[in-house]
């Protein structure tokens, strides 16, 4: 009986960890985006670094802020910018890509929009497109609650069967 309970607890723990790991790593198979957000008199400066975690070089990055933007900067002279200053910014470089296992900083803009989830798309030199949000996926608290409650139920059942209480 003890073996069945142990097996149940181990399977529950492994399943919970798989669910949590899937929540953490989903949505960003090719790029990780690090960001720094600072405020000065109700104007926010958004600065980004792109880390290429995939196997294809990145040459294009689109971001979709929801308010008017200004003071857009690019990482180097080899990168260019297209924008409507209202709903999208595109940084691209046909000559100097972000190679696999490398990163590039220097993407930034200013906006009155407060920090939040901002949609983006990244395109590789082979045409692969990845989309997501600038704030990385994090496990929901409910996943931890589910895992913890499953462990508690298992322990209580084990104690009840073995100690009668």
N, C-alpha and C. Protein backbone atom coordinates (compact mmCIF):
# COMPACT_ATOMS: atom_id res chain seq x y z
N UNK A 1 0.82 -1.19 0.00
CA UNK A 1 0.00 0.00 0.00
C UNK A 1 0.87 1.26 0.00
N UNK A 2 1.94 1.22 0.78
CA UNK A 2 2.84 2.36 0.86
C UNK A 2 3.49 2.61 -0.50
N UNK A 3 3.80 1.53 -1.23
CA UNK A 3 4.39 1.68 -2.56
C UNK A 3 3.44 2.39 -3.50
N UNK A 4 2.12 2.08 -3.42
CA UNK A 4 1.14 2.73 -4.28
C UNK A 4 1.05 4.22 -3.99
N UNK A 5 1.09 4.56 -2.72
CA UNK A 5 1.00 5.98 -2.34
C UNK A 5 2.26 6.71 -2.79
N UNK A 6 3.40 6.11 -2.57
CA UNK A 6 4.65 6.73 -3.02
C UNK A 6 4.65 6.92 -4.53
N UNK A 7 4.21 5.91 -5.25
CA UNK A 7 4.15 6.00 -6.70
C UNK A 7 3.20 7.12 -7.12
N UNK A 8 2.04 7.21 -6.45
CA UNK A 8 1.07 8.28 -6.72
C UNK A 8 1.69 9.65 -6.49
N UNK A 9 2.40 9.81 -5.36
CA UNK A 9 3.02 11.09 -5.04
C UNK A 9 4.11 11.46 -6.05
N UNK A 10 4.94 10.49 -6.43
CA UNK A 10 6.02 10.75 -7.37
C UNK A 10 5.44 11.12 -8.74
N UNK A 11 4.44 10.39 -9.21
CA UNK A 11 3.82 10.70 -10.50
C UNK A 11 3.17 12.08 -10.44
N UNK A 12 2.49 12.40 -9.34
CA UNK A 12 1.87 13.72 -9.18
C UNK A 12 2.90 14.84 -9.19
N UNK A 13 4.01 14.62 -8.49
CA UNK A 13 5.07 15.63 -8.43
C UNK A 13 5.69 15.84 -9.81
N UNK A 14 6.00 14.76 -10.51
CA UNK A 14 6.59 14.87 -11.85
C UNK A 14 5.61 15.55 -12.81
N UNK A 15 4.34 15.17 -12.75
CA UNK A 15 3.34 15.80 -13.62
C UNK A 15 3.24 17.30 -13.35
N UNK A 16 3.22 17.66 -12.07
CA UNK A 16 3.15 19.08 -11.71
C UNK A 16 4.35 19.85 -12.21
N UNK A 17 5.55 19.27 -12.08
CA UNK A 17 6.75 19.94 -12.56
C UNK A 17 6.75 20.09 -14.08
N UNK A 18 6.22 19.10 -14.78
CA UNK A 18 6.13 19.20 -16.24
C UNK A 18 5.18 20.33 -16.63
N UNK A 19 4.04 20.44 -15.94
CA UNK A 19 3.09 21.52 -16.22
C UNK A 19 3.74 22.87 -15.96
N UNK A 20 4.46 23.01 -14.86
CA UNK A 20 5.12 24.28 -14.54
C UNK A 20 6.20 24.59 -15.56
N UNK A 21 7.03 23.60 -15.93
CA UNK A 21 8.09 23.82 -16.91
C UNK A 21 7.51 24.22 -18.26
N UNK A 22 6.40 23.61 -18.66
CA UNK A 22 5.77 23.97 -19.93
C UNK A 22 5.30 25.41 -19.90
N UNK A 23 4.79 25.87 -18.78
CA UNK A 23 4.35 27.25 -18.67
C UNK A 23 5.50 28.22 -18.73
N UNK A 24 6.65 27.87 -18.19
CA UNK A 24 7.80 28.77 -18.19
C UNK A 24 8.43 28.87 -19.56
N UNK A 25 8.54 27.76 -20.28
CA UNK A 25 9.32 27.79 -21.51
C UNK A 25 8.50 27.94 -22.78
N UNK A 26 7.18 27.93 -22.68
CA UNK A 26 6.40 28.00 -23.91
C UNK A 26 6.42 29.39 -24.52
N UNK A 27 6.31 29.48 -25.81
CA UNK A 27 6.16 30.74 -26.49
C UNK A 27 7.44 31.41 -26.96
N UNK A 28 8.62 30.98 -26.50
CA UNK A 28 9.86 31.65 -26.89
C UNK A 28 10.92 30.65 -27.33
N UNK A 29 10.67 29.87 -28.40
CA UNK A 29 11.65 28.87 -28.78
C UNK A 29 12.89 29.42 -29.47
N UNK A 30 12.85 30.68 -29.98
CA UNK A 30 13.96 31.17 -30.77
C UNK A 30 14.64 32.40 -30.17
N UNK A 31 13.95 33.15 -29.33
CA UNK A 31 14.50 34.40 -28.84
C UNK A 31 14.07 34.65 -27.40
N UNK A 32 14.98 35.21 -26.63
CA UNK A 32 14.64 35.71 -25.30
C UNK A 32 14.81 37.21 -25.36
N UNK A 33 13.87 37.93 -24.77
CA UNK A 33 13.94 39.39 -24.80
C UNK A 33 14.11 39.90 -23.38
N UNK A 34 15.25 40.55 -23.15
CA UNK A 34 15.49 41.21 -21.88
C UNK A 34 15.10 42.67 -22.04
N UNK A 35 14.51 43.24 -21.01
CA UNK A 35 14.08 44.62 -21.13
C UNK A 35 14.40 45.40 -19.87
N UNK A 36 14.50 46.70 -20.04
CA UNK A 36 14.69 47.63 -18.94
C UNK A 36 13.73 48.78 -19.18
N UNK A 37 12.91 49.09 -18.20
CA UNK A 37 11.92 50.14 -18.34
C UNK A 37 12.17 51.18 -17.26
N UNK A 38 12.32 52.44 -17.67
CA UNK A 38 12.53 53.52 -16.71
C UNK A 38 11.51 54.62 -16.97
N UNK A 39 11.16 55.35 -15.90
CA UNK A 39 10.18 56.43 -16.02
C UNK A 39 10.82 57.76 -15.66
N UNK A 40 10.46 58.79 -16.44
CA UNK A 40 10.87 60.15 -16.15
C UNK A 40 9.72 61.07 -16.54
N UNK A 41 9.04 61.62 -15.57
CA UNK A 41 7.92 62.56 -15.80
C UNK A 41 6.85 61.98 -16.72
N UNK A 42 6.32 60.84 -16.37
CA UNK A 42 5.24 60.18 -17.12
C UNK A 42 5.63 59.76 -18.53
N UNK A 43 6.92 59.75 -18.85
CA UNK A 43 7.41 59.20 -20.12
C UNK A 43 8.26 57.98 -19.77
N UNK A 44 7.95 56.88 -20.38
CA UNK A 44 8.65 55.63 -20.12
C UNK A 44 9.65 55.36 -21.24
N UNK A 45 10.84 54.94 -20.86
CA UNK A 45 11.85 54.52 -21.83
C UNK A 45 11.93 52.99 -21.78
N UNK A 46 11.71 52.37 -22.92
CA UNK A 46 11.76 50.92 -23.05
C UNK A 46 13.04 50.56 -23.79
N UNK A 47 13.92 49.81 -23.16
CA UNK A 47 15.18 49.37 -23.77
C UNK A 47 15.21 47.85 -23.81
N UNK A 48 15.59 47.29 -24.95
CA UNK A 48 15.54 45.84 -25.14
C UNK A 48 16.88 45.28 -25.61
N UNK A 49 17.12 44.04 -25.19
CA UNK A 49 18.22 43.23 -25.70
C UNK A 49 17.62 41.93 -26.22
N UNK A 50 17.94 41.55 -27.43
CA UNK A 50 17.46 40.29 -28.00
C UNK A 50 18.56 39.26 -27.89
N UNK A 51 18.22 38.11 -27.32
CA UNK A 51 19.14 36.97 -27.24
C UNK A 51 18.62 35.89 -28.18
N UNK A 52 19.43 35.52 -29.14
CA UNK A 52 19.04 34.48 -30.09
C UNK A 52 19.34 33.11 -29.48
N UNK A 53 18.29 32.40 -29.11
CA UNK A 53 18.45 31.07 -28.51
C UNK A 53 18.16 29.96 -29.52
N UNK A 54 17.89 30.34 -30.76
CA UNK A 54 17.58 29.35 -31.78
C UNK A 54 18.78 28.98 -32.62
N UNK A 55 18.51 28.34 -33.73
CA UNK A 55 19.60 27.89 -34.61
C UNK A 55 19.65 28.68 -35.92
N UNK A 56 18.78 29.69 -36.06
CA UNK A 56 18.77 30.53 -37.26
C UNK A 56 19.07 31.98 -36.87
N UNK A 57 19.76 32.71 -37.74
CA UNK A 57 20.07 34.11 -37.48
C UNK A 57 18.79 34.96 -37.54
N UNK A 58 18.72 35.99 -36.72
CA UNK A 58 17.57 36.90 -36.68
C UNK A 58 17.93 38.17 -37.43
N UNK A 59 17.04 38.62 -38.31
CA UNK A 59 17.31 39.84 -39.07
C UNK A 59 16.22 40.89 -38.92
N UNK A 60 15.10 40.55 -38.30
CA UNK A 60 13.98 41.48 -38.23
C UNK A 60 13.24 41.31 -36.90
N UNK A 61 12.86 42.44 -36.29
CA UNK A 61 12.08 42.42 -35.05
C UNK A 61 11.01 43.50 -35.12
N UNK A 62 9.75 43.09 -34.99
CA UNK A 62 8.61 44.00 -34.93
C UNK A 62 8.06 44.01 -33.52
N UNK A 63 7.66 45.18 -33.05
CA UNK A 63 7.02 45.31 -31.75
C UNK A 63 5.79 46.18 -31.93
N UNK A 64 4.74 45.90 -31.15
CA UNK A 64 3.46 46.56 -31.35
C UNK A 64 2.99 47.28 -30.09
N UNK A 65 3.60 48.45 -29.79
CA UNK A 65 3.12 49.22 -28.63
C UNK A 65 1.71 49.74 -28.91
N UNK A 66 0.97 50.04 -27.87
CA UNK A 66 -0.43 50.44 -28.04
C UNK A 66 -0.64 51.95 -27.99
N UNK A 67 0.43 52.72 -27.86
CA UNK A 67 0.32 54.18 -27.81
C UNK A 67 1.41 54.81 -28.67
N UNK A 68 1.36 56.12 -28.82
CA UNK A 68 2.33 56.86 -29.62
C UNK A 68 3.73 56.69 -29.02
N UNK A 69 4.73 56.51 -29.90
CA UNK A 69 6.13 56.35 -29.48
C UNK A 69 6.99 57.45 -30.08
N UNK A 70 8.17 57.66 -29.48
CA UNK A 70 9.12 58.66 -29.99
C UNK A 70 10.53 58.21 -29.64
N UNK A 71 11.52 58.96 -30.12
CA UNK A 71 12.93 58.71 -29.81
C UNK A 71 13.32 57.25 -29.96
N UNK A 72 13.02 56.69 -31.10
CA UNK A 72 13.36 55.28 -31.37
C UNK A 72 14.84 55.20 -31.70
N UNK A 73 15.55 54.27 -31.05
CA UNK A 73 16.97 54.07 -31.34
C UNK A 73 17.19 52.66 -31.87
N UNK A 74 18.29 52.50 -32.59
CA UNK A 74 18.64 51.20 -33.15
C UNK A 74 20.01 50.79 -32.63
N UNK A 75 20.32 49.50 -32.66
CA UNK A 75 21.56 49.01 -32.07
C UNK A 75 22.83 49.49 -32.76
N UNK A 76 22.82 49.62 -34.09
CA UNK A 76 24.04 50.00 -34.80
C UNK A 76 23.66 50.62 -36.14
N UNK A 77 24.66 51.09 -36.84
CA UNK A 77 24.43 51.71 -38.14
C UNK A 77 23.90 50.71 -39.16
N UNK A 78 24.15 49.42 -38.94
CA UNK A 78 23.70 48.38 -39.86
C UNK A 78 22.21 48.06 -39.73
N UNK A 79 21.58 48.51 -38.68
CA UNK A 79 20.17 48.27 -38.46
C UNK A 79 19.37 49.50 -38.85
N UNK A 80 18.18 49.29 -39.41
CA UNK A 80 17.29 50.39 -39.80
C UNK A 80 15.95 50.25 -39.07
N UNK A 81 15.14 51.32 -39.16
CA UNK A 81 13.87 51.37 -38.45
C UNK A 81 12.76 51.78 -39.42
N UNK A 82 11.64 51.10 -39.33
CA UNK A 82 10.39 51.51 -39.97
C UNK A 82 9.35 51.63 -38.87
N UNK A 83 8.47 52.63 -38.94
CA UNK A 83 7.44 52.78 -37.91
C UNK A 83 6.34 53.70 -38.39
N UNK A 84 5.18 53.59 -37.75
CA UNK A 84 4.12 54.57 -37.96
C UNK A 84 3.98 55.47 -36.72
N UNK A 85 4.88 55.30 -35.74
CA UNK A 85 4.92 56.06 -34.48
C UNK A 85 3.65 55.92 -33.65
N UNK A 86 2.83 54.95 -33.97
CA UNK A 86 1.57 54.80 -33.26
C UNK A 86 1.28 53.37 -32.83
N UNK A 87 1.51 52.40 -33.72
CA UNK A 87 1.11 51.03 -33.39
C UNK A 87 2.16 49.98 -33.70
N UNK A 88 3.25 50.31 -34.35
CA UNK A 88 4.29 49.31 -34.62
C UNK A 88 5.64 49.97 -34.87
N UNK A 89 6.68 49.22 -34.52
CA UNK A 89 8.06 49.59 -34.81
C UNK A 89 8.72 48.35 -35.40
N UNK A 90 9.50 48.55 -36.45
CA UNK A 90 10.23 47.42 -37.04
C UNK A 90 11.70 47.78 -37.12
N UNK A 91 12.53 46.94 -36.52
CA UNK A 91 13.99 47.05 -36.65
C UNK A 91 14.41 45.92 -37.58
N UNK A 92 15.29 46.23 -38.53
CA UNK A 92 15.74 45.18 -39.45
C UNK A 92 17.16 45.46 -39.94
N UNK A 93 17.84 44.39 -40.32
CA UNK A 93 19.18 44.51 -40.87
C UNK A 93 19.44 43.36 -41.83
N UNK A 94 19.51 43.66 -43.12
CA UNK A 94 19.80 42.60 -44.08
C UNK A 94 21.28 42.19 -44.09
N UNK A 95 22.13 42.94 -43.35
CA UNK A 95 23.57 42.68 -43.41
C UNK A 95 24.15 42.15 -42.11
N UNK A 96 23.66 42.60 -40.97
CA UNK A 96 24.23 42.21 -39.67
C UNK A 96 23.13 41.57 -38.82
N UNK A 97 23.01 40.28 -38.92
CA UNK A 97 21.98 39.56 -38.18
C UNK A 97 22.46 39.27 -36.76
N UNK A 98 21.49 38.85 -35.94
CA UNK A 98 21.82 38.35 -34.60
C UNK A 98 22.02 36.85 -34.76
N UNK A 99 23.27 36.42 -34.68
CA UNK A 99 23.61 35.02 -34.91
C UNK A 99 23.13 34.14 -33.76
N UNK A 100 22.96 32.84 -34.01
CA UNK A 100 22.58 31.93 -32.93
C UNK A 100 23.57 32.01 -31.76
N UNK A 101 23.06 31.92 -30.55
CA UNK A 101 23.84 31.96 -29.31
C UNK A 101 24.51 33.32 -29.08
N UNK A 102 23.96 34.38 -29.67
CA UNK A 102 24.50 35.71 -29.41
C UNK A 102 23.34 36.65 -29.09
N UNK A 103 23.68 37.87 -28.69
CA UNK A 103 22.64 38.83 -28.35
C UNK A 103 23.00 40.20 -28.89
N UNK A 104 22.02 41.09 -28.93
CA UNK A 104 22.22 42.44 -29.42
C UNK A 104 21.35 43.39 -28.61
N UNK A 105 21.98 44.42 -28.05
CA UNK A 105 21.28 45.45 -27.27
C UNK A 105 21.19 46.72 -28.10
N UNK A 106 20.37 47.65 -27.65
CA UNK A 106 20.29 48.95 -28.29
C UNK A 106 18.96 49.25 -28.94
N UNK A 107 17.99 48.38 -28.80
CA UNK A 107 16.65 48.64 -29.30
C UNK A 107 15.90 49.42 -28.22
N UNK A 108 15.42 50.62 -28.53
CA UNK A 108 14.69 51.36 -27.49
C UNK A 108 13.74 52.38 -28.10
N UNK A 109 12.82 52.84 -27.29
CA UNK A 109 11.89 53.91 -27.66
C UNK A 109 11.32 54.52 -26.39
N UNK A 110 10.68 55.68 -26.54
CA UNK A 110 10.01 56.35 -25.43
C UNK A 110 8.53 56.40 -25.72
N UNK A 111 7.75 56.35 -24.64
CA UNK A 111 6.30 56.35 -24.80
C UNK A 111 5.63 56.78 -23.50
N UNK A 112 4.42 57.29 -23.61
CA UNK A 112 3.64 57.61 -22.41
C UNK A 112 2.89 56.37 -21.92
N UNK A 113 2.96 55.30 -22.68
CA UNK A 113 2.28 54.06 -22.29
C UNK A 113 2.95 53.40 -21.10
N UNK A 114 2.16 53.00 -20.12
CA UNK A 114 2.70 52.34 -18.94
C UNK A 114 3.12 50.91 -19.28
N UNK A 115 4.07 50.37 -18.55
CA UNK A 115 4.56 49.02 -18.84
C UNK A 115 3.45 47.97 -18.79
N UNK A 116 3.55 47.03 -19.67
CA UNK A 116 2.59 45.93 -19.75
C UNK A 116 3.04 44.95 -20.81
N UNK A 117 2.16 44.06 -21.17
CA UNK A 117 2.45 43.04 -22.17
C UNK A 117 2.43 43.69 -23.55
N UNK A 118 3.52 43.57 -24.31
CA UNK A 118 3.61 44.17 -25.63
C UNK A 118 3.95 43.05 -26.63
N UNK A 119 3.12 42.93 -27.65
CA UNK A 119 3.29 41.87 -28.65
C UNK A 119 4.52 42.15 -29.52
N UNK A 120 5.20 41.09 -29.93
CA UNK A 120 6.33 41.21 -30.85
C UNK A 120 6.34 40.06 -31.83
N UNK A 121 7.10 40.23 -32.90
CA UNK A 121 7.39 39.17 -33.87
C UNK A 121 8.85 39.26 -34.26
N UNK A 122 9.49 38.12 -34.37
CA UNK A 122 10.90 38.04 -34.78
C UNK A 122 10.95 37.14 -36.02
N UNK A 123 11.76 37.56 -37.01
CA UNK A 123 11.89 36.74 -38.21
C UNK A 123 13.35 36.34 -38.41
N UNK A 124 13.54 35.07 -38.74
CA UNK A 124 14.89 34.56 -38.99
C UNK A 124 15.24 34.76 -40.46
N UNK A 125 16.50 34.57 -40.78
CA UNK A 125 16.97 34.72 -42.16
C UNK A 125 16.38 33.64 -43.07
N UNK A 126 15.91 32.53 -42.48
CA UNK A 126 15.30 31.46 -43.28
C UNK A 126 13.79 31.60 -43.35
N UNK A 127 13.25 32.70 -42.81
CA UNK A 127 11.81 32.96 -42.92
C UNK A 127 10.97 32.48 -41.76
N UNK A 128 11.57 31.87 -40.76
CA UNK A 128 10.81 31.45 -39.59
C UNK A 128 10.37 32.66 -38.78
N UNK A 129 9.09 32.68 -38.38
CA UNK A 129 8.55 33.80 -37.61
C UNK A 129 8.08 33.29 -36.25
N UNK A 130 8.53 33.96 -35.21
CA UNK A 130 8.14 33.64 -33.85
C UNK A 130 7.44 34.88 -33.28
N UNK A 131 6.34 34.69 -32.58
CA UNK A 131 5.68 35.83 -31.95
C UNK A 131 5.46 35.52 -30.48
N UNK A 132 5.28 36.58 -29.71
CA UNK A 132 5.05 36.44 -28.28
C UNK A 132 4.85 37.80 -27.66
N UNK A 133 5.16 37.90 -26.38
CA UNK A 133 5.02 39.15 -25.65
C UNK A 133 6.32 39.46 -24.93
N UNK A 134 6.65 40.75 -24.80
CA UNK A 134 7.94 41.15 -24.26
C UNK A 134 8.14 40.73 -22.82
N UNK A 135 7.10 40.56 -22.07
CA UNK A 135 7.25 40.01 -20.73
C UNK A 135 7.10 38.51 -20.85
N UNK A 136 8.16 37.78 -20.47
CA UNK A 136 8.19 36.34 -20.66
C UNK A 136 7.11 35.62 -19.89
N UNK A 137 6.78 34.43 -20.36
CA UNK A 137 5.78 33.62 -19.69
C UNK A 137 6.27 33.21 -18.31
N UNK A 138 5.39 33.25 -17.34
CA UNK A 138 5.71 32.81 -15.99
C UNK A 138 4.65 31.82 -15.55
N UNK A 139 5.01 30.91 -14.69
CA UNK A 139 3.99 29.95 -14.26
C UNK A 139 2.91 30.66 -13.46
N UNK A 140 1.68 30.28 -13.71
CA UNK A 140 0.57 30.88 -12.98
C UNK A 140 0.58 30.35 -11.55
N UNK A 141 0.14 31.16 -10.59
CA UNK A 141 0.08 30.67 -9.21
C UNK A 141 -0.80 29.44 -9.08
N UNK A 142 -1.80 29.30 -9.94
CA UNK A 142 -2.68 28.14 -9.84
C UNK A 142 -1.93 26.83 -10.07
N UNK A 143 -0.87 26.83 -10.87
CA UNK A 143 -0.08 25.61 -11.09
C UNK A 143 0.59 25.18 -9.79
N UNK A 144 1.13 26.14 -9.04
CA UNK A 144 1.74 25.82 -7.75
C UNK A 144 0.70 25.36 -6.74
N UNK A 145 -0.48 25.98 -6.75
CA UNK A 145 -1.56 25.59 -5.83
C UNK A 145 -2.00 24.17 -6.14
N UNK A 146 -2.15 23.86 -7.43
CA UNK A 146 -2.56 22.52 -7.84
C UNK A 146 -1.53 21.48 -7.41
N UNK A 147 -0.27 21.76 -7.63
CA UNK A 147 0.79 20.84 -7.24
C UNK A 147 0.81 20.65 -5.72
N UNK A 148 0.74 21.74 -4.97
CA UNK A 148 0.77 21.66 -3.51
C UNK A 148 -0.43 20.94 -2.94
N UNK A 149 -1.61 21.21 -3.48
CA UNK A 149 -2.80 20.54 -2.95
C UNK A 149 -2.77 19.05 -3.27
N UNK A 150 -2.24 18.68 -4.43
CA UNK A 150 -2.11 17.26 -4.75
C UNK A 150 -1.18 16.54 -3.78
N UNK A 151 -0.09 17.18 -3.42
CA UNK A 151 0.83 16.59 -2.45
C UNK A 151 0.17 16.48 -1.08
N UNK A 152 -0.55 17.52 -0.66
CA UNK A 152 -1.24 17.49 0.63
C UNK A 152 -2.27 16.37 0.69
N UNK A 153 -3.06 16.21 -0.36
CA UNK A 153 -4.07 15.15 -0.39
C UNK A 153 -3.39 13.79 -0.31
N UNK A 154 -2.31 13.61 -1.04
CA UNK A 154 -1.58 12.34 -1.00
C UNK A 154 -1.04 12.03 0.38
N UNK A 155 -0.47 13.01 1.05
CA UNK A 155 0.07 12.82 2.40
C UNK A 155 -1.05 12.50 3.38
N UNK A 156 -2.17 13.21 3.28
CA UNK A 156 -3.30 12.95 4.19
C UNK A 156 -3.85 11.54 3.99
N UNK A 157 -3.99 11.10 2.74
CA UNK A 157 -4.47 9.74 2.48
C UNK A 157 -3.50 8.71 3.05
N UNK A 158 -2.24 8.93 2.89
CA UNK A 158 -1.24 8.01 3.40
C UNK A 158 -1.31 7.93 4.92
N UNK A 159 -1.40 9.09 5.58
CA UNK A 159 -1.47 9.11 7.05
C UNK A 159 -2.75 8.44 7.54
N UNK A 160 -3.85 8.68 6.85
CA UNK A 160 -5.15 8.11 7.25
C UNK A 160 -5.10 6.59 7.16
N UNK A 161 -4.52 6.07 6.08
CA UNK A 161 -4.47 4.60 5.90
C UNK A 161 -3.47 3.93 6.83
N UNK A 162 -2.37 4.63 7.13
CA UNK A 162 -1.34 4.01 7.95
C UNK A 162 -1.49 4.25 9.44
N UNK A 163 -2.07 5.36 9.80
CA UNK A 163 -2.18 5.69 11.22
C UNK A 163 -3.61 5.84 11.71
N UNK A 164 -4.58 5.66 10.80
CA UNK A 164 -5.98 5.69 11.19
C UNK A 164 -6.46 7.07 11.59
N UNK A 165 -5.79 8.13 11.21
CA UNK A 165 -6.25 9.44 11.66
C UNK A 165 -6.09 10.44 10.65
